Amino acid sequence: MERLDHLRRAGLSSHAVFRDFMSRQISPLQARERPAWLYSGVTDGTRTFVGAEHDMDANALGLVISRTLGSTRRSP
């Protein structure tokens, strides 16, 4: 819990985590062969859809986030 508290104080938010998982096309609750922080890019086998052709542009990603989280707040 101390680590989570430290990350929150450093500015980590649920919006930022959601944006990261959506932009990488990985499911947060999916069982995977290695942790999400070892993500290696668009050819990573832990992605929901492998390949750059499945990536969302910034506008589509923003729309998914705002519709899912009910907010237009943007995270870096």
PDB file of N, CA and C in Angstrom:
ATOM      1  N   MET A   1       0.810  -1.191   0.000  1.00  0.00           N
ATOM      2  CA  MET A   1       0.000   0.000   0.000  1.00  0.00           C
ATOM      3  C   MET A   1       0.856   1.260   0.000  1.00  0.00           C
ATOM      4  N   GLU A   2       2.018   1.189   0.613  1.00  0.00           N
ATOM      5  CA  GLU A   2       2.895   2.360   0.618  1.00  0.00           C
ATOM      6  C   GLU A   2       3.281   2.760  -0.801  1.00  0.00           C
ATOM      7  N   ARG A   3       3.549   1.762  -1.627  1.00  0.00           N
ATOM      8  CA  ARG A   3       3.938   2.062  -3.015  1.00  0.00           C
ATOM      9  C   ARG A   3       2.790   2.750  -3.755  1.00  0.00           C
ATOM     10  N   LEU A   4       1.566   2.262  -3.550  1.00  0.00           N
ATOM     11  CA  LEU A   4       0.413   2.900  -4.194  1.00  0.00           C
ATOM     12  C   LEU A   4       0.231   4.327  -3.704  1.00  0.00           C
ATOM     13  N   ASP A   5       0.387   4.525  -2.400  1.00  0.00           N
ATOM     14  CA  ASP A   5       0.271   5.881  -1.859  1.00  0.00           C
ATOM     15  C   ASP A   5       1.329   6.796  -2.469  1.00  0.00           C
ATOM     16  N   HIS A   6       2.534   6.285  -2.600  1.00  0.00           N
ATOM     17  CA  HIS A   6       3.615   7.063  -3.215  1.00  0.00           C
ATOM     18  C   HIS A   6       3.259   7.431  -4.661  1.00  0.00           C
ATOM     19  N   LEU A   7       2.733   6.471  -5.420  1.00  0.00           N
ATOM     20  CA  LEU A   7       2.362   6.729  -6.814  1.00  0.00           C
ATOM     21  C   LEU A   7       1.233   7.751  -6.905  1.00  0.00           C
ATOM     22  N   ARG A   8       0.258   7.660  -6.003  1.00  0.00           N
ATOM     23  CA  ARG A   8      -0.835   8.643  -5.988  1.00  0.00           C
ATOM     24  C   ARG A   8      -0.301  10.043  -5.701  1.00  0.00           C
ATOM     25  N   ARG A   9       0.575  10.141  -4.712  1.00  0.00           N
ATOM     26  CA  ARG A   9       1.158  11.446  -4.380  1.00  0.00           C
ATOM     27  C   ARG A   9       1.980  11.995  -5.544  1.00  0.00           C
ATOM     28  N   ALA A  10       2.557  11.100  -6.330  1.00  0.00           N
ATOM     29  CA  ALA A  10       3.360  11.513  -7.487  1.00  0.00           C
ATOM     30  C   ALA A  10       2.488  11.901  -8.678  1.00  0.00           C
ATOM     31  N   GLY A  11       1.165  11.708  -8.556  1.00  0.00           N
ATOM     32  CA  GLY A  11       0.260  12.142  -9.611  1.00  0.00           C
ATOM     33  C   GLY A  11      -0.405  11.047 -10.420  1.00  0.00           C
ATOM     34  N   LEU A  12      -0.164   9.787 -10.079  1.00  0.00           N
ATOM     35  CA  LEU A  12      -0.810   8.702 -10.811  1.00  0.00           C
ATOM     36  C   LEU A  12      -2.308   8.715 -10.527  1.00  0.00           C
ATOM     37  N   SER A  13      -3.106   8.570 -11.575  1.00  0.00           N
ATOM     38  CA  SER A  13      -4.561   8.563 -11.421  1.00  0.00           C
ATOM     39  C   SER A  13      -5.156   7.375 -12.165  1.00  0.00           C
ATOM     40  N   SER A  14      -6.391   7.063 -11.848  1.00  0.00           N
ATOM     41  CA  SER A  14      -7.075   5.973 -12.551  1.00  0.00           C
ATOM     42  C   SER A  14      -7.212   6.307 -14.036  1.00  0.00           C
ATOM     43  N   HIS A  15      -7.391   7.594 -14.359  1.00  0.00           N
ATOM     44  CA  HIS A  15      -7.476   8.004 -15.764  1.00  0.00           C
ATOM     45  C   HIS A  15      -6.172   7.697 -16.499  1.00  0.00           C
ATOM     46  N   ALA A  16      -5.050   7.971 -15.843  1.00  0.00           N
ATOM     47  CA  ALA A  16      -3.746   7.720 -16.468  1.00  0.00           C
ATOM     48  C   ALA A  16      -3.527   6.229 -16.687  1.00  0.00           C
ATOM     49  N   VAL A  17      -3.917   5.415 -15.715  1.00  0.00           N
ATOM     50  CA  VAL A  17      -3.766   3.960 -15.851  1.00  0.00           C
ATOM     51  C   VAL A  17      -4.657   3.450 -16.975  1.00  0.00           C
ATOM     52  N   PHE A  18      -5.904   3.906 -17.010  1.00  0.00           N
ATOM     53  CA  PHE A  18      -6.830   3.479 -18.056  1.00  0.00           C
ATOM     54  C   PHE A  18      -6.305   3.870 -19.434  1.00  0.00           C
ATOM     55  N   ARG A  19      -5.829   5.113 -19.564  1.00  0.00           N
ATOM     56  CA  ARG A  19      -5.288   5.588 -20.842  1.00  0.00           C
ATOM     57  C   ARG A  19      -4.109   4.716 -21.269  1.00  0.00           C
ATOM     58  N   ASP A  20      -3.240   4.362 -20.336  1.00  0.00           N
ATOM     59  CA  ASP A  20      -2.076   3.542 -20.661  1.00  0.00           C
ATOM     60  C   ASP A  20      -2.503   2.168 -21.179  1.00  0.00           C
ATOM     61  N   PHE A  21      -3.413   1.515 -20.476  1.00  0.00           N
ATOM     62  CA  PHE A  21      -3.862   0.189 -20.909  1.00  0.00           C
ATOM     63  C   PHE A  21      -4.580   0.256 -22.253  1.00  0.00           C
ATOM     64  N   MET A  22      -5.417   1.276 -22.457  1.00  0.00           N
ATOM     65  CA  MET A  22      -6.138   1.394 -23.727  1.00  0.00           C
ATOM     66  C   MET A  22      -5.191   1.707 -24.883  1.00  0.00           C
ATOM     67  N   SER A  23      -4.231   2.588 -24.661  1.00  0.00           N
ATOM     68  CA  SER A  23      -3.318   2.944 -25.752  1.00  0.00           C
ATOM     69  C   SER A  23      -2.411   1.781 -26.129  1.00  0.00           C
ATOM     70  N   ARG A  24      -2.110   0.918 -25.171  1.00  0.00           N
ATOM     71  CA  ARG A  24      -1.276  -0.254 -25.452  1.00  0.00           C
ATOM     72  C   ARG A  24      -2.092  -1.454 -25.928  1.00  0.00           C
ATOM     73  N   GLN A  25      -3.419  -1.324 -25.866  1.00  0.00           N
ATOM     74  CA  GLN A  25      -4.323  -2.406 -26.275  1.00  0.00           C
ATOM     75  C   GLN A  25      -4.102  -3.665 -25.438  1.00  0.00           C
ATOM     76  N   ILE A  26      -3.985  -3.480 -24.112  1.00  0.00           N
ATOM     77  CA  ILE A  26      -3.882  -4.632 -23.221  1.00  0.00           C
ATOM     78  C   ILE A  26      -5.017  -4.558 -22.207  1.00  0.00           C
ATOM     79  N   SER A  27      -5.567  -5.699 -21.860  1.00  0.00           N
ATOM     80  CA  SER A  27      -6.672  -5.759 -20.909  1.00  0.00           C
ATOM     81  C   SER A  27      -6.118  -5.808 -19.490  1.00  0.00           C
ATOM     82  N   PRO A  28      -6.574  -4.923 -18.610  1.00  0.00           N
ATOM     83  CA  PRO A  28      -6.007  -4.867 -17.268  1.00  0.00           C
ATOM     84  C   PRO A  28      -6.254  -6.110 -16.422  1.00  0.00           C
ATOM     85  N   LEU A  29      -7.332  -6.824 -16.644  1.00  0.00           N
ATOM     86  CA  LEU A  29      -7.638  -7.996 -15.822  1.00  0.00           C
ATOM     87  C   LEU A  29      -7.337  -9.313 -16.518  1.00  0.00           C
ATOM     88  N   GLN A  30      -6.730  -9.245 -17.659  1.00  0.00           N
ATOM     89  CA  GLN A  30      -6.413 -10.445 -18.437  1.00  0.00           C
ATOM     90  C   GLN A  30      -5.183 -11.138 -17.853  1.00  0.00           C
ATOM     91  N   ALA A  31      -5.246 -12.459 -17.734  1.00  0.00           N
ATOM     92  CA  ALA A  31      -4.054 -13.212 -17.330  1.00  0.00           C
ATOM     93  C   ALA A  31      -3.047 -13.112 -18.466  1.00  0.00           C
ATOM     94  N   ARG A  32      -1.812 -12.852 -18.136  1.00  0.00           N
ATOM     95  CA  ARG A  32      -0.784 -12.714 -19.171  1.00  0.00           C
ATOM     96  C   ARG A  32       0.489 -13.405 -18.731  1.00  0.00           C
ATOM     97  N   GLU A  33       1.351 -13.652 -19.695  1.00  0.00           N
ATOM     98  CA  GLU A  33       2.585 -14.382 -19.416  1.00  0.00           C
ATOM     99  C   GLU A  33       3.603 -13.557 -18.644  1.00  0.00           C
ATOM    100  N   ARG A  34       3.482 -12.231 -18.658  1.00  0.00           N
ATOM    101  CA  ARG A  34       4.394 -11.358 -17.910  1.00  0.00           C
ATOM    102  C   ARG A  34       3.641 -10.082 -17.534  1.00  0.00           C
ATOM    103  N   PRO A  35       4.161  -9.336 -16.563  1.00  0.00           N
ATOM    104  CA  PRO A  35       3.472  -8.125 -16.101  1.00  0.00           C
ATOM    105  C   PRO A  35       3.352  -7.061 -17.198  1.00  0.00           C
ATOM    106  N   ALA A  36       2.340  -6.225 -17.075  1.00  0.00           N
ATOM    107  CA  ALA A  36       2.079  -5.180 -18.069  1.00  0.00           C
ATOM    108  C   ALA A  36       3.241  -4.203 -18.191  1.00  0.00           C
ATOM    109  N   TRP A  37       3.992  -3.982 -17.112  1.00  0.00           N
ATOM    110  CA  TRP A  37       5.095  -3.014 -17.199  1.00  0.00           C
ATOM    111  C   TRP A  37       6.253  -3.516 -18.054  1.00  0.00           C
ATOM    112  N   LEU A  38       6.208  -4.785 -18.475  1.00  0.00           N
ATOM    113  CA  LEU A  38       7.221  -5.315 -19.383  1.00  0.00           C
ATOM    114  C   LEU A  38       6.746  -5.292 -20.837  1.00  0.00           C
ATOM    115  N   TYR A  39       5.673  -4.562 -21.091  1.00  0.00           N
ATOM    116  CA  TYR A  39       5.138  -4.386 -22.445  1.00  0.00           C
ATOM    117  C   TYR A  39       6.260  -3.962 -23.385  1.00  0.00           C
ATOM    118  N   SER A  40       6.321  -4.594 -24.566  1.00  0.00           N
ATOM    119  CA  SER A  40       7.452  -4.348 -25.465  1.00  0.00           C
ATOM    120  C   SER A  40       7.088  -3.625 -26.765  1.00  0.00           C
ATOM    121  N   GLY A  41       5.842  -3.265 -26.952  1.00  0.00           N
ATOM    122  CA  GLY A  41       5.463  -2.534 -28.157  1.00  0.00           C
ATOM    123  C   GLY A  41       4.320  -3.182 -28.910  1.00  0.00           C
ATOM    124  N   VAL A  42       4.069  -2.693 -30.128  1.00  0.00           N
ATOM    125  CA  VAL A  42       2.888  -3.105 -30.890  1.00  0.00           C
ATOM    126  C   VAL A  42       2.880  -4.581 -31.274  1.00  0.00           C
ATOM    127  N   THR A  43       4.024  -5.239 -31.229  1.00  0.00           N
ATOM    128  CA  THR A  43       4.057  -6.670 -31.550  1.00  0.00           C
ATOM    129  C   THR A  43       4.032  -7.541 -30.296  1.00  0.00           C
ATOM    130  N   ASP A  44       3.833  -6.930 -29.143  1.00  0.00           N
ATOM    131  CA  ASP A  44       3.781  -7.667 -27.879  1.00  0.00           C
ATOM    132  C   ASP A  44       2.607  -8.641 -27.894  1.00  0.00           C
ATOM    133  N   GLY A  45       2.861  -9.882 -27.557  1.00  0.00           N
ATOM    134  CA  GLY A  45       1.832 -10.919 -27.578  1.00  0.00           C
ATOM    135  C   GLY A  45       0.768 -10.777 -26.512  1.00  0.00           C
ATOM    136  N   THR A  46       0.963  -9.871 -25.539  1.00  0.00           N
ATOM    137  CA  THR A  46      -0.052  -9.685 -24.503  1.00  0.00           C
ATOM    138  C   THR A  46      -1.113  -8.662 -24.904  1.00  0.00           C
ATOM    139  N   ARG A  47      -0.947  -8.049 -26.073  1.00  0.00           N
ATOM    140  CA  ARG A  47      -1.958  -7.101 -26.550  1.00  0.00           C
ATOM    141  C   ARG A  47      -3.248  -7.837 -26.905  1.00  0.00           C
ATOM    142  N   THR A  48      -4.362  -7.141 -26.769  1.00  0.00           N
ATOM    143  CA  THR A  48      -5.644  -7.693 -27.186  1.00  0.00           C
ATOM    144  C   THR A  48      -5.648  -7.908 -28.691  1.00  0.00           C
ATOM    145  N   PHE A  49      -5.107  -6.936 -29.420  1.00  0.00           N
ATOM    146  CA  PHE A  49      -4.956  -7.022 -30.872  1.00  0.00           C
ATOM    147  C   PHE A  49      -3.516  -6.649 -31.198  1.00  0.00           C
ATOM    148  N   VAL A  50      -2.762  -7.575 -31.756  1.00  0.00           N
ATOM    149  CA  VAL A  50      -1.343  -7.353 -32.041  1.00  0.00           C
ATOM    150  C   VAL A  50      -1.176  -6.616 -33.366  1.00  0.00           C
ATOM    151  N   GLY A  51      -0.327  -5.602 -33.376  1.00  0.00           N
ATOM    152  CA  GLY A  51      -0.016  -4.864 -34.596  1.00  0.00           C
ATOM    153  C   GLY A  51      -0.440  -3.415 -34.526  1.00  0.00           C
ATOM    154  N   ALA A  52       0.362  -2.553 -35.136  1.00  0.00           N
ATOM    155  CA  ALA A  52       0.102  -1.111 -35.120  1.00  0.00           C
ATOM    156  C   ALA A  52      -1.203  -0.742 -35.812  1.00  0.00           C
ATOM    157  N   GLU A  53      -1.650  -1.571 -36.747  1.00  0.00           N
ATOM    158  CA  GLU A  53      -2.892  -1.254 -37.469  1.00  0.00           C
ATOM    159  C   GLU A  53      -4.109  -1.237 -36.546  1.00  0.00           C
ATOM    160  N   HIS A  54      -3.975  -1.784 -35.335  1.00  0.00           N
ATOM    161  CA  HIS A  54      -5.086  -1.809 -34.379  1.00  0.00           C
ATOM    162  C   HIS A  54      -5.034  -0.651 -33.385  1.00  0.00           C
ATOM    163  N   ASP A  55      -3.986   0.151 -33.437  1.00  0.00           N
ATOM    164  CA  ASP A  55      -3.866   1.278 -32.515  1.00  0.00           C
ATOM    165  C   ASP A  55      -4.899   2.347 -32.837  1.00  0.00           C
ATOM    166  N   MET A  56      -5.384   3.016 -31.789  1.00  0.00           N
ATOM    167  CA  MET A  56      -6.322   4.122 -31.956  1.00  0.00           C
ATOM    168  C   MET A  56      -5.539   5.420 -32.077  1.00  0.00           C
ATOM    169  N   ASP A  57      -6.055   6.349 -32.881  1.00  0.00           N
ATOM    170  CA  ASP A  57      -5.419   7.664 -32.908  1.00  0.00           C
ATOM    171  C   ASP A  57      -5.825   8.416 -31.635  1.00  0.00           C
ATOM    172  N   ALA A  58      -5.203   9.552 -31.393  1.00  0.00           N
ATOM    173  CA  ALA A  58      -5.420  10.296 -30.152  1.00  0.00           C
ATOM    174  C   ALA A  58      -6.884  10.685 -29.957  1.00  0.00           C
ATOM    175  N   ASN A  59      -7.585  11.057 -31.026  1.00  0.00           N
ATOM    176  CA  ASN A  59      -8.995  11.442 -30.907  1.00  0.00           C
ATOM    177  C   ASN A  59      -9.870  10.263 -30.523  1.00  0.00           C
ATOM    178  N   ALA A  60      -9.657   9.117 -31.154  1.00  0.00           N
ATOM    179  CA  ALA A  60     -10.445   7.925 -30.833  1.00  0.00           C
ATOM    180  C   ALA A  60     -10.175   7.479 -29.402  1.00  0.00           C
ATOM    181  N   LEU A  61      -8.919   7.509 -28.988  1.00  0.00           N
ATOM    182  CA  LEU A  61      -8.559   7.131 -27.623  1.00  0.00           C
ATOM    183  C   LEU A  61      -9.221   8.065 -26.617  1.00  0.00           C
ATOM    184  N   GLY A  62      -9.184   9.360 -26.887  1.00  0.00           N
ATOM    185  CA  GLY A  62      -9.833  10.326 -26.007  1.00  0.00           C
ATOM    186  C   GLY A  62     -11.329  10.101 -25.903  1.00  0.00           C
ATOM    187  N   LEU A  63     -11.962   9.751 -27.014  1.00  0.00           N
ATOM    188  CA  LEU A  63     -13.398   9.481 -27.020  1.00  0.00           C
ATOM    189  C   LEU A  63     -13.730   8.243 -26.189  1.00  0.00           C
ATOM    190  N   VAL A  64     -12.963   7.179 -26.351  1.00  0.00           N
ATOM    191  CA  VAL A  64     -13.182   5.957 -25.565  1.00  0.00           C
ATOM    192  C   VAL A  64     -13.034   6.257 -24.077  1.00  0.00           C
ATOM    193  N   ILE A  65     -12.011   6.999 -23.729  1.00  0.00           N
ATOM    194  CA  ILE A  65     -11.778   7.325 -22.319  1.00  0.00           C
ATOM    195  C   ILE A  65     -12.910   8.173 -21.760  1.00  0.00           C
ATOM    196  N   SER A  66     -13.321   9.205 -22.470  1.00  0.00           N
ATOM    197  CA  SER A  66     -14.386  10.067 -21.955  1.00  0.00           C
ATOM    198  C   SER A  66     -15.717   9.334 -21.859  1.00  0.00           C
ATOM    199  N   ARG A  67     -16.002   8.469 -22.807  1.00  0.00           N
ATOM    200  CA  ARG A  67     -17.261   7.715 -22.745  1.00  0.00           C
ATOM    201  C   ARG A  67     -17.224   6.643 -21.660  1.00  0.00           C
ATOM    202  N   THR A  68     -16.081   6.045 -21.438  1.00  0.00           N
ATOM    203  CA  THR A  68     -15.974   4.990 -20.432  1.00  0.00           C
ATOM    204  C   THR A  68     -15.934   5.563 -19.022  1.00  0.00           C
ATOM    205  N   LEU A  69     -15.147   6.602 -18.827  1.00  0.00           N
ATOM    206  CA  LEU A  69     -14.969   7.156 -17.492  1.00  0.00           C
ATOM    207  C   LEU A  69     -15.903   8.322 -17.202  1.00  0.00           C
ATOM    208  N   GLY A  70     -16.647   8.762 -18.223  1.00  0.00           N
ATOM    209  CA  GLY A  70     -17.598   9.843 -18.019  1.00  0.00           C
ATOM    210  C   GLY A  70     -16.934  11.184 -17.760  1.00  0.00           C
ATOM    211  N   SER A  71     -15.778  11.386 -18.342  1.00  0.00           N
ATOM    212  CA  SER A  71     -15.034  12.613 -18.112  1.00  0.00           C
ATOM    213  C   SER A  71     -14.265  12.986 -19.365  1.00  0.00           C
ATOM    214  N   THR A  72     -14.046  14.268 -19.535  1.00  0.00           N
ATOM    215  CA  THR A  72     -13.217  14.717 -20.653  1.00  0.00           C
ATOM    216  C   THR A  72     -11.811  15.044 -20.180  1.00  0.00           C
ATOM    217  N   ARG A  73     -11.513  14.754 -18.919  1.00  0.00           N
ATOM    218  CA  ARG A  73     -10.183  15.011 -18.373  1.00  0.00           C
ATOM    219  C   ARG A  73      -9.152  14.213 -19.144  1.00  0.00           C
ATOM    220  N   ARG A  74      -8.063  14.851 -19.499  1.00  0.00           N
ATOM    221  CA  ARG A  74      -6.997  14.168 -20.240  1.00  0.00           C
ATOM    222  C   ARG A  74      -5.803  13.979 -19.336  1.00  0.00           C
ATOM    223  N   SER A  75      -5.191  12.816 -19.429  1.00  0.00           N
ATOM    224  CA  SER A  75      -3.983  12.522 -18.665  1.00  0.00           C
ATOM    225  C   SER A  75      -2.816  12.421 -19.616  1.00  0.00           C
ATOM    226  N   PRO A  76      -1.629  12.786 -19.157  1.00  0.00           N
ATOM    227  CA  PRO A  76      -0.454  12.673 -20.040  1.00  0.00           C
ATOM    228  C   PRO A  76      -0.130  11.246 -20.396  1.00  0.00           C
TER     229      PRO A  76
END
